[in-house]
Amino acid sequence: MSSLQMSYFAQEDVLHLLISDEPEAGSVELSPNITAELNAQGALIGIEILRASTFIRDFILESVQGKLIELPQVKSA
């Protein structure tokens, strides 16, 4: 098993995270644009994200908005 590797293919807007260099034996669609790649034992070896720039932008925006909602309200003087 090797260290995590990340490849981004800008023309296709695909982000590929490689967790292990084992051969892929199957995959599971986690959502319409996210696929988990599995080895022969069913362990996760990679993740492919289609429309990656949109996914990452939306994920960051949702995270920031969630944090802002949790902040205590500051009253102005």
C-alpha atoms as a PDB file:
ATOM      1  CA  MET A   1       0.000   0.000   0.000  1.00  0.00           C
ATOM      2  CA  SER A   2       1.312   3.419  -0.947  1.00  0.00           C
ATOM      3  CA  SER A   3       0.563   6.898   0.335  1.00  0.00           C
ATOM      4  CA  LEU A   4      -2.433   8.917  -0.795  1.00  0.00           C
ATOM      5  CA  GLN A   5      -2.108  10.339  -4.298  1.00  0.00           C
ATOM      6  CA  MET A   6      -4.332  12.975  -5.848  1.00  0.00           C
ATOM      7  CA  SER A   7      -4.726  13.706  -9.549  1.00  0.00           C
ATOM      8  CA  TYR A   8      -6.865  16.436 -11.074  1.00  0.00           C
ATOM      9  CA  PHE A   9      -7.793  16.326 -14.736  1.00  0.00           C
ATOM     10  CA  ALA A  10      -8.786  19.924 -15.525  1.00  0.00           C
ATOM     11  CA  GLN A  11     -10.177  19.331 -19.007  1.00  0.00           C
ATOM     12  CA  GLU A  12     -12.619  16.715 -17.666  1.00  0.00           C
ATOM     13  CA  ASP A  13     -12.984  18.371 -14.206  1.00  0.00           C
ATOM     14  CA  VAL A  14     -12.312  15.029 -12.510  1.00  0.00           C
ATOM     15  CA  LEU A  15     -10.530  14.588  -9.182  1.00  0.00           C
ATOM     16  CA  HIS A  16      -9.106  11.143  -8.466  1.00  0.00           C
ATOM     17  CA  LEU A  17      -7.865  10.169  -5.014  1.00  0.00           C
ATOM     18  CA  LEU A  18      -5.785   7.013  -4.984  1.00  0.00           C
ATOM     19  CA  ILE A  19      -5.516   5.418  -1.549  1.00  0.00           C
ATOM     20  CA  SER A  20      -3.867   2.175  -2.639  1.00  0.00           C
ATOM     21  CA  ASP A  21      -2.168   0.999  -5.816  1.00  0.00           C
ATOM     22  CA  GLU A  22      -4.053  -2.322  -5.685  1.00  0.00           C
ATOM     23  CA  PRO A  23      -6.050  -3.228  -8.790  1.00  0.00           C
ATOM     24  CA  GLU A  24      -9.659  -2.097  -8.867  1.00  0.00           C
ATOM     25  CA  ALA A  25     -12.119  -5.001  -8.721  1.00  0.00           C
ATOM     26  CA  GLY A  26     -15.331  -3.012  -8.444  1.00  0.00           C
ATOM     27  CA  SER A  27     -16.916   0.295  -7.640  1.00  0.00           C
ATOM     28  CA  VAL A  28     -19.893   1.776  -5.829  1.00  0.00           C
ATOM     29  CA  GLU A  29     -21.641   4.990  -6.818  1.00  0.00           C
ATOM     30  CA  LEU A  30     -21.971   7.010  -3.614  1.00  0.00           C
ATOM     31  CA  SER A  31     -23.798   9.886  -5.315  1.00  0.00           C
ATOM     32  CA  PRO A  32     -24.322  10.901  -8.943  1.00  0.00           C
ATOM     33  CA  ASN A  33     -20.790  12.367  -9.191  1.00  0.00           C
ATOM     34  CA  ILE A  34     -18.828  10.366  -6.610  1.00  0.00           C
ATOM     35  CA  THR A  35     -17.638   6.799  -7.070  1.00  0.00           C
ATOM     36  CA  ALA A  36     -15.790   4.641  -4.527  1.00  0.00           C
ATOM     37  CA  GLU A  37     -13.293   2.234  -6.077  1.00  0.00           C
ATOM     38  CA  LEU A  38     -12.847  -1.106  -4.317  1.00  0.00           C
ATOM     39  CA  ASN A  39     -10.275  -3.913  -4.326  1.00  0.00           C
ATOM     40  CA  ALA A  40     -11.149  -7.636  -4.520  1.00  0.00           C
ATOM     41  CA  GLN A  41     -11.835  -7.739  -0.760  1.00  0.00           C
ATOM     42  CA  GLY A  42     -14.228  -4.780  -0.984  1.00  0.00           C
ATOM     43  CA  ALA A  43     -11.861  -2.326   0.709  1.00  0.00           C
ATOM     44  CA  LEU A  44     -11.722   1.273  -0.478  1.00  0.00           C
ATOM     45  CA  ILE A  45      -8.740   1.957  -2.738  1.00  0.00           C
ATOM     46  CA  GLY A  46      -9.801   5.173  -4.469  1.00  0.00           C
ATOM     47  CA  ILE A  47     -12.416   7.859  -4.960  1.00  0.00           C
ATOM     48  CA  GLU A  48     -13.373   9.557  -8.194  1.00  0.00           C
ATOM     49  CA  ILE A  49     -15.235  12.886  -8.151  1.00  0.00           C
ATOM     50  CA  LEU A  50     -16.822  14.141 -11.356  1.00  0.00           C
ATOM     51  CA  ARG A  51     -17.527  17.885 -11.690  1.00  0.00           C
ATOM     52  CA  ALA A  52     -14.916  18.261  -8.958  1.00  0.00           C
ATOM     53  CA  SER A  53     -14.643  22.046  -9.011  1.00  0.00           C
ATOM     54  CA  THR A  54     -18.382  22.427  -8.385  1.00  0.00           C
ATOM     55  CA  PHE A  55     -18.357  19.734  -5.701  1.00  0.00           C
ATOM     56  CA  ILE A  56     -15.456  21.320  -3.801  1.00  0.00           C
ATOM     57  CA  ARG A  57     -16.896  24.845  -4.113  1.00  0.00           C
ATOM     58  CA  ASP A  58     -20.300  23.720  -2.818  1.00  0.00           C
ATOM     59  CA  PHE A  59     -18.750  21.666  -0.002  1.00  0.00           C
ATOM     60  CA  ILE A  60     -16.666  24.609   1.194  1.00  0.00           C
ATOM     61  CA  LEU A  61     -19.593  27.040   0.974  1.00  0.00           C
ATOM     62  CA  GLU A  62     -21.847  24.696   2.955  1.00  0.00           C
ATOM     63  CA  SER A  63     -19.162  24.178   5.606  1.00  0.00           C
ATOM     64  CA  VAL A  64     -18.518  27.905   6.005  1.00  0.00           C
ATOM     65  CA  GLN A  65     -22.226  28.723   6.129  1.00  0.00           C
ATOM     66  CA  GLY A  66     -22.752  26.016   8.748  1.00  0.00           C
ATOM     67  CA  LYS A  67     -19.972  27.441  10.907  1.00  0.00           C
ATOM     68  CA  LEU A  68     -21.341  30.976  10.568  1.00  0.00           C
ATOM     69  CA  ILE A  69     -24.795  29.836  11.686  1.00  0.00           C
ATOM     70  CA  GLU A  70     -23.237  28.290  14.811  1.00  0.00           C
ATOM     71  CA  LEU A  71     -21.438  31.521  15.772  1.00  0.00           C
ATOM     72  CA  PRO A  72     -23.029  33.453  18.664  1.00  0.00           C
ATOM     73  CA  GLN A  73     -24.837  36.579  17.531  1.00  0.00           C
ATOM     74  CA  VAL A  74     -22.897  39.764  18.293  1.00  0.00           C
ATOM     75  CA  LYS A  75     -24.985  42.791  19.244  1.00  0.00           C
ATOM     76  CA  SER A  76     -23.862  46.121  17.865  1.00  0.00           C
ATOM     77  CA  ALA A  77     -23.562  49.068  20.250  1.00  0.00           C
END
